[in-house]
């Protein structure tokens, strides 16, 4: 079998894509053409047969034939250039093709039969993955392409020339340069997966994916991505906002700032926080999970339009049944007030948006404290309120939703699998007041995983049982949070904190803390100087002279006696010494022991 050496043969890559109907006849008498004898298992003949059956045959699928011809054409041109620039590093299969054709190097820009045959045969070897040397030939072709554009250091700049060859060639090219790409580029092109791809999504596709994403990554998926770290993650909410933005990047040309703004987030979240937590713990695995989840969002329907919710719900547009909330609190002896109402509205808005309201990278402390977690009854109240808000705006969607884990076929996650958490143990330990560290240790996860799992599943504690009798006459609702008996006993008796320090932590006055101690039957520590009395040299006359005549103030007199100013005030009241009127200008020279004039004394 022979291949003709006609100088004007139409078998060039440019003519193969048009099909046999458009072939150009040169008019040369083929029996007079020079020919080379080829072996029965020739690489050249195999390539010719493939072109005849998959490209030139009239009954071939037009789209498939065109795509295959483009693959062969692009790789064939790279092969012809490589024979002149990288021949010494060429694999054995490339030299075999040359040997079959007599060993003569074809011209890199020629379209004669010899050049076409050599280039097409080498391209076919690179495309056939079942051959053992296919990857070696493909890698050599990529090195040839890169060497011609070595000044362009970033791989995707010269890889863009390979896009016309189609997704099969582009995917292999991207996989070959995975290690040379930045981490964001690996997510954009999906090079950590088995199917890298050049970005092809339209603006409409991007908007559709954004509508299926909350501003923060779902808690269950954050659990799967977040490794178990020795310390709680700093700004976990910010990391979840970053992950949500990263889900918009696979298959698109969006940069990070554009992705964050599309979800209503700030584009200037400190990425170093994210890098210090997730990327250092299996960056390839995390990138793979993000890319696969993004692709799954494109191929599966989602029941919630988060773009509409972000445009509809805000602090000003949501409504809460305050009468129902206060009624529930009275029935279950739960404290209610402006702060509690503000927090319940925040939780409702978070439920509707699927993310913390606003753009903060930190969730409020009161929302992450297990002792302040709301019970099952209040969670049911919030779900009802969320459903009512959706109904009011004509939105027929479930209150909340998360993509199922079955969307991604994997057996191992970088973080914790939510299905592995013992929900009964978690609920029981929460109800019995176990600290967060103890719960996480027993369930073999991190503190952050516990918070995320509670948010994802809605696990809580039973509603508190109202007390049969008030602890103190006139008070019907027991203290909650930091002023609860157990917490107060820990802070006051074990940690030895003062009333003032506890008051600052609880955001109340020290007198309220004192009342809470009394209600909890916790004895107050006696203050300093409780059993002291005034020195014998101090009399009512002395105190009247110092306070009334000299114009000294109680804070000025108290240190001299070793007492608190309130103690001096008590003795003024006991001895009937009139107090200074409000706004009276006190004597600044009282410490000099100089008596006031009659005019200064007001006589």
Protein backbone atom coordinates (compact mmCIF):
# COMPACT_ATOMS: atom_id res chain seq x y z
CA UNK A 1 0.00 0.00 0.00
CA UNK A 2 1.29 3.46 -0.85
CA UNK A 3 0.59 7.13 -0.17
CA UNK A 4 1.11 9.48 -3.08
CA UNK A 5 3.56 12.34 -2.82
CA UNK A 6 1.55 14.81 -4.88
CA UNK A 7 2.72 18.35 -4.12
CA UNK A 8 -0.81 19.77 -4.42
CA UNK A 9 -2.75 16.99 -2.70
CA UNK A 10 -5.89 18.32 -0.97
CA UNK A 11 -5.28 16.13 2.08
CA UNK A 12 -4.20 19.13 4.15
CA UNK A 13 -5.86 19.77 7.53
CA UNK A 14 -7.72 22.76 6.15
CA UNK A 15 -9.51 20.63 3.53
CA UNK A 16 -10.36 17.68 5.79
CA UNK A 17 -12.93 19.67 7.74
CA UNK A 18 -14.95 20.37 4.62
CA UNK A 19 -15.64 16.72 3.77
CA UNK A 20 -15.03 14.75 0.57
CA UNK A 21 -17.59 16.69 -1.43
CA UNK A 22 -15.36 19.78 -1.37
CA UNK A 23 -12.06 18.01 -2.11
CA UNK A 24 -9.85 19.78 -4.69
CA UNK A 25 -8.47 17.72 -7.60
CA UNK A 26 -5.00 18.79 -8.68
CA UNK A 27 -5.09 16.90 -12.01
CA UNK A 28 -1.76 15.13 -11.44
CA UNK A 29 -1.53 11.56 -12.82
CA UNK A 30 -1.00 9.56 -9.60
CA UNK A 31 0.78 6.56 -11.20
CA UNK A 32 3.61 8.97 -12.05
CA UNK A 33 3.90 10.26 -8.45
CA UNK A 34 6.76 9.15 -6.22
CA UNK A 35 5.59 6.64 -3.60
CA UNK A 36 7.02 5.06 -0.46
CA UNK A 37 6.30 1.46 0.45
CA UNK A 38 4.51 1.26 3.83
CA UNK A 39 4.28 -1.71 6.21
CA UNK A 40 0.96 -3.50 6.71
CA UNK A 41 0.51 -2.01 10.21
CA UNK A 42 1.59 1.46 9.19
CA UNK A 43 0.87 4.44 11.43
CA UNK A 44 0.36 6.50 8.30
CA UNK A 45 -2.23 4.09 6.91
CA UNK A 46 -4.03 3.90 10.25
CA UNK A 47 -4.37 7.66 10.22
CA UNK A 48 -5.64 7.63 6.62
CA UNK A 49 -8.26 4.98 7.43
CA UNK A 50 -9.47 7.03 10.41
CA UNK A 51 -9.79 10.14 8.28
CA UNK A 52 -11.72 8.19 5.64
CA UNK A 53 -14.19 6.66 8.11
CA UNK A 54 -14.65 9.44 10.69
CA UNK A 55 -14.07 12.64 8.72
CA UNK A 56 -14.59 12.14 4.98
CA UNK A 57 -17.32 9.54 5.00
CA UNK A 58 -20.60 11.09 3.87
CA UNK A 59 -22.75 9.35 6.49
CA UNK A 60 -20.60 10.62 9.42
CA UNK A 61 -22.29 12.95 11.90
CA UNK A 62 -21.45 16.49 10.70
CA UNK A 63 -20.68 17.85 14.15
CA UNK A 64 -18.55 14.89 15.17
CA UNK A 65 -16.64 14.85 11.87
CA UNK A 66 -15.95 18.59 12.05
CA UNK A 67 -14.75 18.35 15.64
CA UNK A 68 -12.46 15.42 14.91
CA UNK A 69 -10.95 17.16 11.90
CA UNK A 70 -10.23 20.25 14.05
CA UNK A 71 -8.49 18.08 16.65
CA UNK A 72 -6.31 16.45 14.01
CA UNK A 73 -5.57 19.75 12.29
CA UNK A 74 -4.41 21.64 15.39
CA UNK A 75 -2.27 18.79 16.74
CA UNK A 76 -0.84 18.11 13.28
CA UNK A 77 0.35 21.71 12.94
CA UNK A 78 1.98 21.51 16.40
CA UNK A 79 3.66 18.24 15.37
CA UNK A 80 5.14 19.78 12.23
CA UNK A 81 6.62 22.67 14.23
CA UNK A 82 7.89 20.30 16.89
CA UNK A 83 9.78 18.20 14.36
CA UNK A 84 11.97 21.23 13.61
CA UNK A 85 12.32 22.58 17.18
CA UNK A 86 11.99 19.63 19.56
CA UNK A 87 13.00 16.59 17.51
CA UNK A 88 15.64 15.43 19.98
CA UNK A 89 13.04 15.15 22.78
CA UNK A 90 10.39 13.53 20.58
CA UNK A 91 9.01 10.14 21.74
CA UNK A 92 9.81 6.97 19.83
CA UNK A 93 6.41 6.93 18.10
CA UNK A 94 7.24 10.26 16.40
CA UNK A 95 10.49 8.85 14.99
CA UNK A 96 8.60 5.75 13.82
CA UNK A 97 6.27 7.93 11.76
CA UNK A 98 9.23 9.72 10.17
CA UNK A 99 10.94 6.42 9.40
CA UNK A 100 7.84 5.13 7.60
CA UNK A 101 7.92 8.17 5.33
CA UNK A 102 11.59 7.87 4.46
CA UNK A 103 12.99 9.95 7.31
CA UNK A 104 12.68 13.29 5.56
CA UNK A 105 11.47 16.17 7.75
CA UNK A 106 8.36 17.84 6.39
CA UNK A 107 8.21 21.60 6.11
CA UNK A 108 6.33 23.15 9.09
CA UNK A 109 4.20 25.42 6.89
CA UNK A 110 3.73 23.13 3.91
CA UNK A 111 0.42 21.45 3.07
CA UNK A 112 1.77 18.80 0.71
CA UNK A 113 0.88 15.13 1.11
CA UNK A 114 4.09 14.27 2.95
CA UNK A 115 3.60 16.98 5.60
CA UNK A 116 -0.09 16.14 5.94
CA UNK A 117 0.55 12.44 6.37
CA UNK A 118 3.28 12.87 8.99
CA UNK A 119 1.40 15.52 11.01
CA UNK A 120 -1.92 13.64 10.94
CA UNK A 121 -0.32 10.35 11.99
CA UNK A 122 1.40 11.98 14.97
CA UNK A 123 -1.83 13.79 15.93
CA UNK A 124 -3.77 10.50 15.82
CA UNK A 125 -1.30 8.87 18.21
CA UNK A 126 -1.75 11.76 20.68
CA UNK A 127 -5.54 11.48 20.52
CA UNK A 128 -5.80 7.73 21.06
CA UNK A 129 -5.58 7.35 24.85
CA UNK A 130 -5.62 3.56 24.63
CA UNK A 131 -2.06 3.66 23.30
CA UNK A 132 0.67 3.51 25.93
CA UNK A 133 2.61 6.30 24.24
CA UNK A 134 -0.37 8.63 23.70
CA UNK A 135 0.29 10.79 26.77
CA UNK A 136 4.01 11.06 25.96
CA UNK A 137 3.27 12.30 22.44
CA UNK A 138 0.61 14.73 23.72
CA UNK A 139 3.00 16.13 26.35
CA UNK A 140 5.65 16.58 23.66
CA UNK A 141 3.17 18.49 21.50
CA UNK A 142 2.34 20.77 24.43
CA UNK A 143 6.01 21.43 25.10
CA UNK A 144 6.40 22.32 21.43
CA UNK A 145 3.56 24.81 21.64
CA UNK A 146 4.84 26.34 24.86
CA UNK A 147 8.41 26.69 23.62
CA UNK A 148 7.18 28.89 20.77
CA UNK A 149 5.47 31.21 23.28
CA UNK A 150 7.85 30.96 26.22
CA UNK A 151 7.65 34.68 26.89
CA UNK A 152 4.04 34.28 27.95
CA UNK A 153 4.64 32.80 31.36
CA UNK A 154 1.02 32.14 32.35
CA UNK A 155 -0.13 28.81 30.84
CA UNK A 156 -3.70 29.80 30.00
CA UNK A 157 -2.44 32.56 27.70
CA UNK A 158 -1.03 30.10 25.17
CA UNK A 159 -3.53 27.34 25.96
CA UNK A 160 -6.28 29.55 24.56
CA UNK A 161 -4.90 28.70 21.09
CA UNK A 162 -5.95 25.09 21.72
CA UNK A 163 -9.60 25.93 22.36
CA UNK A 164 -10.64 25.54 18.68
CA UNK A 165 -9.53 21.91 18.87
CA UNK A 166 -12.50 21.20 21.10
CA UNK A 167 -13.15 20.10 24.70
CA UNK A 168 -11.33 16.77 24.48
CA UNK A 169 -7.99 18.30 23.54
CA UNK A 170 -8.46 21.36 25.77
CA UNK A 171 -9.27 19.18 28.77
CA UNK A 172 -6.08 17.16 28.37
CA UNK A 173 -4.04 20.32 27.89
CA UNK A 174 -5.43 21.91 31.05
CA UNK A 175 -4.78 18.76 33.08
CA UNK A 176 -1.19 18.76 31.91
CA UNK A 177 -0.52 22.27 33.27
CA UNK A 178 -2.46 21.88 36.53
CA UNK A 179 0.62 22.26 38.71
CA UNK A 180 1.54 25.53 36.96
CA UNK A 181 -1.81 27.21 37.65
CA UNK A 182 -2.80 29.33 40.62
CA UNK A 183 -5.32 27.87 43.05
CA UNK A 184 -8.11 30.12 41.74
CA UNK A 185 -7.27 29.10 38.15
CA UNK A 186 -7.48 25.43 39.15
CA UNK A 187 -11.01 26.11 40.36
CA UNK A 188 -11.90 28.14 37.26
CA UNK A 189 -10.74 25.42 34.85
CA UNK A 190 -11.49 22.43 37.11
CA UNK A 191 -8.01 21.00 36.62
CA UNK A 192 -8.11 19.06 39.90
CA UNK A 193 -11.03 17.02 38.55
CA UNK A 194 -10.95 14.30 35.91
CA UNK A 195 -12.65 16.60 33.39
CA UNK A 196 -10.98 20.03 33.17
CA UNK A 197 -12.76 22.44 30.84
CA UNK A 198 -12.30 25.86 29.28
CA UNK A 199 -14.81 28.48 30.58
CA UNK A 200 -17.91 28.46 28.37
CA UNK A 201 -20.74 29.65 30.64
CA UNK A 202 -22.74 32.66 29.47
CA UNK A 203 -23.93 35.56 31.63
CA UNK A 204 -27.34 33.89 31.81
CA UNK A 205 -25.74 30.67 33.09
CA UNK A 206 -23.82 32.60 35.74
CA UNK A 207 -26.96 34.42 36.93
CA UNK A 208 -28.80 31.11 37.12
CA UNK A 209 -26.09 29.57 39.31
CA UNK A 210 -25.96 32.69 41.53
CA UNK A 211 -29.72 32.40 42.10
CA UNK A 212 -29.15 28.90 43.51
CA UNK A 213 -26.49 30.10 45.95
CA UNK A 214 -26.91 31.81 49.34
CA UNK A 215 -24.36 34.45 50.29
CA UNK A 216 -22.71 31.92 52.63
CA UNK A 217 -21.95 28.29 51.79
CA UNK A 218 -24.52 25.91 53.27
CA UNK A 219 -23.52 24.68 56.74
CA UNK A 220 -23.56 20.98 55.83
CA UNK A 221 -21.25 21.58 52.86
CA UNK A 222 -18.97 23.76 54.97
CA UNK A 223 -18.70 20.80 57.35
CA UNK A 224 -17.59 18.57 54.49
CA UNK A 225 -14.93 21.05 53.35
CA UNK A 226 -13.65 22.27 56.73
CA UNK A 227 -10.87 20.04 58.13
CA UNK A 228 -10.73 19.33 61.84
CA UNK A 229 -8.34 21.98 63.11
CA UNK A 230 -6.85 22.24 66.62
CA UNK A 231 -8.33 25.69 67.19
CA UNK A 232 -11.70 27.21 66.19
CA UNK A 233 -11.60 28.95 62.83
CA UNK A 234 -11.24 32.71 62.90
CA UNK A 235 -14.09 34.41 61.02
CA UNK A 236 -15.88 31.23 59.97
CA UNK A 237 -18.71 33.24 58.42
CA UNK A 238 -16.20 35.04 56.21
CA UNK A 239 -14.78 31.73 55.04
CA UNK A 240 -18.29 30.54 54.17
CA UNK A 241 -18.85 33.72 52.14
CA UNK A 242 -15.56 33.06 50.33
CA UNK A 243 -16.58 29.48 49.49
CA UNK A 244 -19.93 30.67 48.12
CA UNK A 245 -18.13 33.13 45.84
CA UNK A 246 -15.69 30.44 44.70
CA UNK A 247 -18.66 28.32 43.58
CA UNK A 248 -19.40 30.96 40.94
CA UNK A 249 -15.95 30.70 39.33
CA UNK A 250 -15.79 27.18 37.76
CA UNK A 251 -16.47 27.42 34.04
CA UNK A 252 -16.70 31.23 34.09
CA UNK A 253 -14.40 34.20 33.52
CA UNK A 254 -15.48 35.97 36.72
CA UNK A 255 -12.75 37.14 39.07
CA UNK A 256 -13.10 36.80 42.83
CA UNK A 257 -14.35 40.35 43.41
CA UNK A 258 -17.04 40.04 40.75
CA UNK A 259 -18.20 36.73 42.24
CA UNK A 260 -18.51 38.13 45.76
CA UNK A 261 -20.43 41.18 44.60
CA UNK A 262 -22.84 39.03 42.61
CA UNK A 263 -23.86 37.38 45.89
CA UNK A 264 -24.17 40.69 47.74
CA UNK A 265 -20.94 40.19 49.70
CA UNK A 266 -17.96 42.46 50.12
CA UNK A 267 -15.17 41.87 47.67
CA UNK A 268 -12.41 42.71 50.14
CA UNK A 269 -12.69 39.83 52.61
CA UNK A 270 -9.13 39.01 53.76
CA UNK A 271 -8.31 35.94 51.69
CA UNK A 272 -5.31 35.19 53.92
CA UNK A 273 -7.79 33.99 56.57
CA UNK A 274 -9.21 31.53 54.08
CA UNK A 275 -5.75 30.45 52.94
CA UNK A 276 -4.65 29.83 56.52
CA UNK A 277 -7.52 27.44 57.19
CA UNK A 278 -8.83 25.58 54.16
CA UNK A 279 -6.12 25.83 51.51
CA UNK A 280 -3.36 24.60 53.77
CA UNK A 281 -5.37 21.45 54.55
CA UNK A 282 -5.87 19.64 51.25
CA UNK A 283 -6.23 22.45 48.69
CA UNK A 284 -6.67 20.04 45.77
CA UNK A 285 -9.45 18.12 47.52
CA UNK A 286 -11.26 21.33 48.46
CA UNK A 287 -10.94 22.70 44.93
CA UNK A 288 -12.30 19.44 43.51
CA UNK A 289 -15.32 19.50 45.83
CA UNK A 290 -16.10 23.12 44.95
CA UNK A 291 -15.88 22.49 41.20
CA UNK A 292 -18.04 19.34 41.33
CA UNK A 293 -20.64 21.09 43.50
CA UNK A 294 -20.76 24.05 41.09
CA UNK A 295 -21.31 21.72 38.14
CA UNK A 296 -23.99 19.86 40.06
CA UNK A 297 -25.81 23.14 40.72
CA UNK A 298 -25.90 23.73 36.96
CA UNK A 299 -27.30 20.29 36.18
CA UNK A 300 -29.82 19.90 39.03
CA UNK A 301 -32.89 22.00 39.79
CA UNK A 302 -32.88 24.06 43.01
CA UNK A 303 -36.13 24.90 44.85
CA UNK A 304 -34.98 28.33 46.15
CA UNK A 305 -34.22 31.52 44.24
CA UNK A 306 -31.73 33.22 46.56
CA UNK A 307 -31.31 36.21 44.26
CA UNK A 308 -34.99 37.02 44.71
CA UNK A 309 -34.78 36.54 48.46
CA UNK A 310 -31.78 38.87 48.74
CA UNK A 311 -33.77 41.51 46.86
CA UNK A 312 -36.97 40.93 48.86
CA UNK A 313 -36.05 40.45 52.50
CA UNK A 314 -34.23 42.85 54.79
CA UNK A 315 -34.52 44.11 58.35
CA UNK A 316 -37.08 46.63 57.14
CA UNK A 317 -39.29 44.18 55.21
CA UNK A 318 -39.62 41.15 57.49
CA UNK A 319 -42.44 40.88 60.03
CA UNK A 320 -42.58 38.99 63.32
CA UNK A 321 -45.66 38.13 65.36
CA UNK A 322 -44.50 39.82 68.56
CA UNK A 323 -47.66 38.93 70.46
CA UNK A 324 -47.12 35.26 69.63
CA UNK A 325 -43.45 35.50 70.56
CA UNK A 326 -44.15 37.11 73.93
CA UNK A 327 -46.95 34.65 74.63
CA UNK A 328 -44.60 31.73 74.00
CA UNK A 329 -41.96 33.29 76.24
CA UNK A 330 -44.48 33.71 79.08
CA UNK A 331 -45.70 30.13 78.73
CA UNK A 332 -42.18 28.72 78.93
CA UNK A 333 -40.72 31.23 81.38
CA UNK A 334 -38.32 32.68 78.82
CA UNK A 335 -37.07 36.20 79.29
CA UNK A 336 -38.25 38.69 76.68
CA UNK A 337 -37.30 42.27 75.98
CA UNK A 338 -35.89 44.57 73.27
CA UNK A 339 -32.67 42.58 72.98
CA UNK A 340 -34.51 39.27 72.63
CA UNK A 341 -36.84 40.74 70.01
CA UNK A 342 -33.89 42.10 68.03
CA UNK A 343 -32.21 38.71 68.10
CA UNK A 344 -35.31 36.80 67.04
CA UNK A 345 -35.68 39.13 64.06
CA UNK A 346 -32.01 38.54 63.16
CA UNK A 347 -32.54 34.78 63.29
CA UNK A 348 -35.65 35.05 61.11
CA UNK A 349 -33.82 37.07 58.47
CA UNK A 350 -30.94 34.58 58.56
CA UNK A 351 -33.39 31.74 57.98
CA UNK A 352 -34.92 33.47 54.97
CA UNK A 353 -31.60 34.47 53.37
CA UNK A 354 -29.73 31.25 54.12
CA UNK A 355 -26.87 33.40 55.44
CA UNK A 356 -26.07 35.88 58.20
CA UNK A 357 -27.73 39.23 57.46
CA UNK A 358 -25.33 41.88 56.21
CA UNK A 359 -21.79 41.28 55.01
CA UNK A 360 -19.93 40.70 58.28
CA UNK A 361 -17.34 37.92 58.40
CA UNK A 362 -18.21 37.16 62.04
CA UNK A 363 -21.38 35.65 63.44
CA UNK A 364 -22.51 37.37 66.69
CA UNK A 365 -21.18 35.71 69.82
CA UNK A 366 -24.65 35.24 71.26
CA UNK A 367 -25.54 33.11 68.24
CA UNK A 368 -22.58 30.75 68.72
CA UNK A 369 -22.89 30.30 72.50
CA UNK A 370 -24.53 26.92 73.16
CA UNK A 371 -26.03 28.20 76.39
CA UNK A 372 -27.93 30.81 74.36
CA UNK A 373 -29.19 28.51 71.62
CA UNK A 374 -32.94 28.67 71.18
CA UNK A 375 -35.02 25.61 71.97
CA UNK A 376 -37.10 23.47 69.62
CA UNK A 377 -40.26 25.42 70.35
CA UNK A 378 -38.77 28.74 69.28
CA UNK A 379 -37.28 27.12 66.19
CA UNK A 380 -40.75 25.93 65.20
CA UNK A 381 -42.02 29.48 65.81
CA UNK A 382 -39.29 30.86 63.52
CA UNK A 383 -40.13 28.36 60.77
CA UNK A 384 -43.80 29.41 60.93
CA UNK A 385 -42.83 33.07 60.78
CA UNK A 386 -40.53 32.45 57.81
CA UNK A 387 -43.31 30.61 55.96
CA UNK A 388 -45.69 33.51 56.63
CA UNK A 389 -43.18 36.03 55.26
CA UNK A 390 -42.70 33.95 52.11
CA UNK A 391 -46.48 33.64 51.66
CA UNK A 392 -46.96 37.38 52.11
CA UNK A 393 -44.58 38.08 49.22
CA UNK A 394 -46.11 35.39 47.01
CA UNK A 395 -43.08 33.08 47.15
CA UNK A 396 -43.91 29.38 47.04
CA UNK A 397 -40.62 27.88 48.16
CA UNK A 398 -39.45 25.80 51.12
CA UNK A 399 -38.08 27.87 53.98
CA UNK A 400 -34.63 26.30 53.71
CA UNK A 401 -32.79 23.80 51.53
CA UNK A 402 -29.35 22.30 51.06
CA UNK A 403 -28.00 20.25 48.15
CA UNK A 404 -27.87 16.53 49.00
CA UNK A 405 -24.50 14.86 49.39
CA UNK A 406 -25.44 12.38 46.63
CA UNK A 407 -24.83 15.13 44.07
CA UNK A 408 -21.11 14.38 44.35
CA UNK A 409 -19.83 10.84 44.09
CA UNK A 410 -17.07 10.67 46.66
CA UNK A 411 -16.19 8.44 49.57
CA UNK A 412 -14.06 10.89 51.55
CA UNK A 413 -14.38 14.57 52.42
CA UNK A 414 -11.65 16.97 53.59
CA UNK A 415 -13.81 17.73 56.63
CA UNK A 416 -16.54 15.91 58.57
CA UNK A 417 -19.48 14.03 57.07
CA UNK A 418 -22.73 15.31 58.64
CA UNK A 419 -24.23 11.84 58.34
CA UNK A 420 -21.60 10.51 60.74
CA UNK A 421 -22.74 12.76 63.62
CA UNK A 422 -24.79 11.04 66.35
CA UNK A 423 -27.71 13.46 66.57
CA UNK A 424 -29.20 11.81 69.67
CA UNK A 425 -25.94 12.14 71.60
CA UNK A 426 -25.57 15.74 70.48
CA UNK A 427 -29.08 16.68 71.58
CA UNK A 428 -28.70 14.89 74.92
CA UNK A 429 -25.38 16.54 75.75
CA UNK A 430 -26.75 19.96 74.82
CA UNK A 431 -29.81 19.44 77.03
CA UNK A 432 -27.65 18.43 80.01
CA UNK A 433 -25.44 21.51 79.69
CA UNK A 434 -22.19 19.91 78.48
CA UNK A 435 -19.62 22.47 77.28
CA UNK A 436 -18.91 22.73 73.57
CA UNK A 437 -15.40 21.32 73.89
CA UNK A 438 -16.71 18.18 75.59
CA UNK A 439 -19.40 17.64 72.96
CA UNK A 440 -16.92 18.03 70.10
CA UNK A 441 -14.46 15.64 71.72
CA UNK A 442 -17.11 12.95 72.26
CA UNK A 443 -18.35 13.24 68.67
CA UNK A 444 -14.74 13.36 67.31
CA UNK A 445 -15.20 16.60 65.40
CA UNK A 446 -14.18 20.22 65.93
CA UNK A 447 -16.11 22.95 67.74
CA UNK A 448 -16.90 24.57 64.40
CA UNK A 449 -18.38 21.33 63.08
CA UNK A 450 -20.80 21.27 66.03
CA UNK A 451 -22.01 24.82 65.32
CA UNK A 452 -22.42 24.04 61.62
CA UNK A 453 -24.27 20.80 62.30
CA UNK A 454 -26.69 22.50 64.67
CA UNK A 455 -27.41 25.13 62.02
CA UNK A 456 -27.78 22.52 59.28
CA UNK A 457 -30.06 20.11 61.13
CA UNK A 458 -31.91 22.43 63.52
CA UNK A 459 -31.07 20.19 66.48
CA UNK A 460 -31.94 21.91 69.73
CA UNK A 461 -33.11 21.28 73.26
CA UNK A 462 -36.67 20.77 74.56
CA UNK A 463 -38.54 23.91 75.68
CA UNK A 464 -37.76 24.77 79.31
CA UNK A 465 -40.29 23.66 81.91
CA UNK A 466 -41.80 26.65 83.73
CA UNK A 467 -41.02 26.62 87.47
CA UNK A 468 -43.90 25.70 89.78
CA UNK A 469 -43.02 28.60 92.11
CA UNK A 470 -40.92 31.69 91.56
CA UNK A 471 -37.53 31.66 93.20
CA UNK A 472 -38.09 35.12 94.58
CA UNK A 473 -41.38 36.73 95.31
CA UNK A 474 -42.42 38.98 92.47
CA UNK A 475 -40.22 37.27 89.82
CA UNK A 476 -41.87 34.75 87.52
CA UNK A 477 -39.14 34.15 84.89
CA UNK A 478 -35.78 32.56 85.80
CA UNK A 479 -32.59 34.18 84.64
CA UNK A 480 -31.14 33.10 81.27
CA UNK A 481 -27.69 33.13 79.68
CA UNK A 482 -24.82 34.45 81.79
CA UNK A 483 -27.19 35.20 84.70
CA UNK A 484 -28.58 31.67 84.88
CA UNK A 485 -27.85 29.98 88.23
CA UNK A 486 -25.37 27.49 86.82
CA UNK A 487 -23.48 30.03 84.75
CA UNK A 488 -23.50 32.56 87.56
CA UNK A 489 -22.15 30.04 90.03
CA UNK A 490 -19.29 29.26 87.64
CA UNK A 491 -18.38 32.91 87.07
CA UNK A 492 -18.80 34.15 90.65
CA UNK A 493 -17.67 31.23 92.79
CA UNK A 494 -15.28 29.32 90.53
CA UNK A 495 -13.81 32.07 88.38
CA UNK A 496 -13.97 34.57 91.30
CA UNK A 497 -15.18 37.37 89.04
CA UNK A 498 -16.50 40.49 90.71
CA UNK A 499 -20.04 41.78 90.34
CA UNK A 500 -18.79 44.57 88.12
CA UNK A 501 -16.97 42.22 85.73
CA UNK A 502 -19.97 39.90 85.50
CA UNK A 503 -22.19 42.89 84.85
CA UNK A 504 -19.98 43.94 81.94
CA UNK A 505 -20.13 40.44 80.43
CA UNK A 506 -23.91 40.26 80.82
CA UNK A 507 -24.44 43.86 79.67
CA UNK A 508 -26.36 44.85 82.80
CA UNK A 509 -25.79 46.69 86.10
CA UNK A 510 -23.98 45.21 89.09
CA UNK A 511 -27.17 45.54 91.14
CA UNK A 512 -28.91 43.21 88.67
CA UNK A 513 -26.09 40.72 89.15
CA UNK A 514 -26.51 41.00 92.92
CA UNK A 515 -30.24 40.27 92.57
CA UNK A 516 -29.51 37.28 90.33
CA UNK A 517 -27.11 35.90 92.98
CA UNK A 518 -29.81 36.27 95.61
CA UNK A 519 -32.38 34.54 93.41
CA UNK A 520 -29.98 31.65 92.81
CA UNK A 521 -29.27 31.35 96.56
CA UNK A 522 -25.60 32.12 95.95
CA UNK A 523 -24.12 34.01 98.93
CA UNK A 524 -22.37 37.23 98.07
CA UNK A 525 -18.76 37.65 99.08
CA UNK A 526 -18.52 40.24 101.85
CA UNK A 527 -16.96 43.48 100.65
CA UNK A 528 -13.84 44.91 102.22
CA UNK A 529 -14.22 46.94 105.47
CA UNK A 530 -17.66 45.42 106.18
CA UNK A 531 -17.01 45.06 109.94
CA UNK A 532 -15.11 48.31 110.36
CA UNK A 533 -16.56 51.27 112.15
CA UNK A 534 -15.64 54.89 112.04
CA UNK A 535 -12.57 55.79 114.06
CA UNK A 536 -13.35 57.02 117.57
CA UNK A 537 -11.88 60.39 116.67
CA UNK A 538 -14.57 60.84 114.03
CA UNK A 539 -17.76 62.35 115.28
CA UNK A 540 -20.83 63.94 113.75
CA UNK A 541 -19.26 67.34 114.43
CA UNK A 542 -16.08 66.36 112.56
CA UNK A 543 -18.03 65.02 109.61
CA UNK A 544 -20.27 68.09 109.51
CA UNK A 545 -17.26 70.37 109.59
CA UNK A 546 -15.44 68.51 106.80
CA UNK A 547 -18.46 67.97 104.62
CA UNK A 548 -20.63 71.06 105.19
CA UNK A 549 -18.28 73.79 106.24
CA UNK A 550 -15.16 72.85 104.30
CA UNK A 551 -17.19 71.73 101.27
CA UNK A 552 -15.48 68.38 100.89
CA UNK A 553 -17.19 65.64 98.86
CA UNK A 554 -17.83 62.08 100.04
CA UNK A 555 -15.29 60.61 97.52
CA UNK A 556 -12.72 62.98 99.05
CA UNK A 557 -13.52 62.04 102.66
CA UNK A 558 -13.86 58.26 102.14
CA UNK A 559 -10.17 57.45 101.40
CA UNK A 560 -9.12 59.31 104.55
CA UNK A 561 -11.35 57.03 106.64
CA UNK A 562 -10.65 53.86 104.64
CA UNK A 563 -14.26 53.49 103.57
CA UNK A 564 -16.30 53.51 100.38
CA UNK A 565 -18.02 56.81 99.62
CA UNK A 566 -21.42 55.13 100.15
CA UNK A 567 -20.45 54.41 103.77
CA UNK A 568 -19.76 58.10 104.34
CA UNK A 569 -23.14 58.88 102.79
CA UNK A 570 -24.83 56.51 105.23
CA UNK A 571 -23.28 58.32 108.22
CA UNK A 572 -24.37 61.67 106.80
CA UNK A 573 -27.90 60.34 106.69
CA UNK A 574 -27.64 58.75 110.16
CA UNK A 575 -26.45 61.97 111.81
CA UNK A 576 -28.86 64.20 109.90
CA UNK A 577 -26.21 66.19 108.06
CA UNK A 578 -27.78 67.84 104.98
CA UNK A 579 -26.45 66.71 101.61
CA UNK A 580 -24.90 69.11 99.14
CA UNK A 581 -27.44 70.40 96.63
CA UNK A 582 -27.01 69.07 93.09
CA UNK A 583 -24.65 71.21 91.07
CA UNK A 584 -22.98 72.84 94.11
CA UNK A 585 -19.40 73.89 93.41
CA UNK A 586 -17.28 72.15 96.04
CA UNK A 587 -14.28 73.67 97.78
CA UNK A 588 -11.13 72.85 95.78
CA UNK A 589 -8.95 73.97 98.74
CA UNK A 590 -10.57 71.70 101.30
CA UNK A 591 -7.45 69.52 101.60
CA UNK A 592 -5.43 72.60 102.73
CA UNK A 593 -7.45 72.75 105.96
CA UNK A 594 -8.39 76.41 105.33
CA UNK A 595 -11.84 77.35 106.65
CA UNK A 596 -14.31 78.86 104.21
CA UNK A 597 -15.39 82.47 104.52
CA UNK A 598 -18.91 83.35 105.56
CA UNK A 599 -19.71 84.23 101.94
CA UNK A 600 -18.33 80.88 100.67
CA UNK A 601 -20.33 79.03 103.33
CA UNK A 602 -23.48 80.71 102.06
CA UNK A 603 -24.19 82.62 105.27
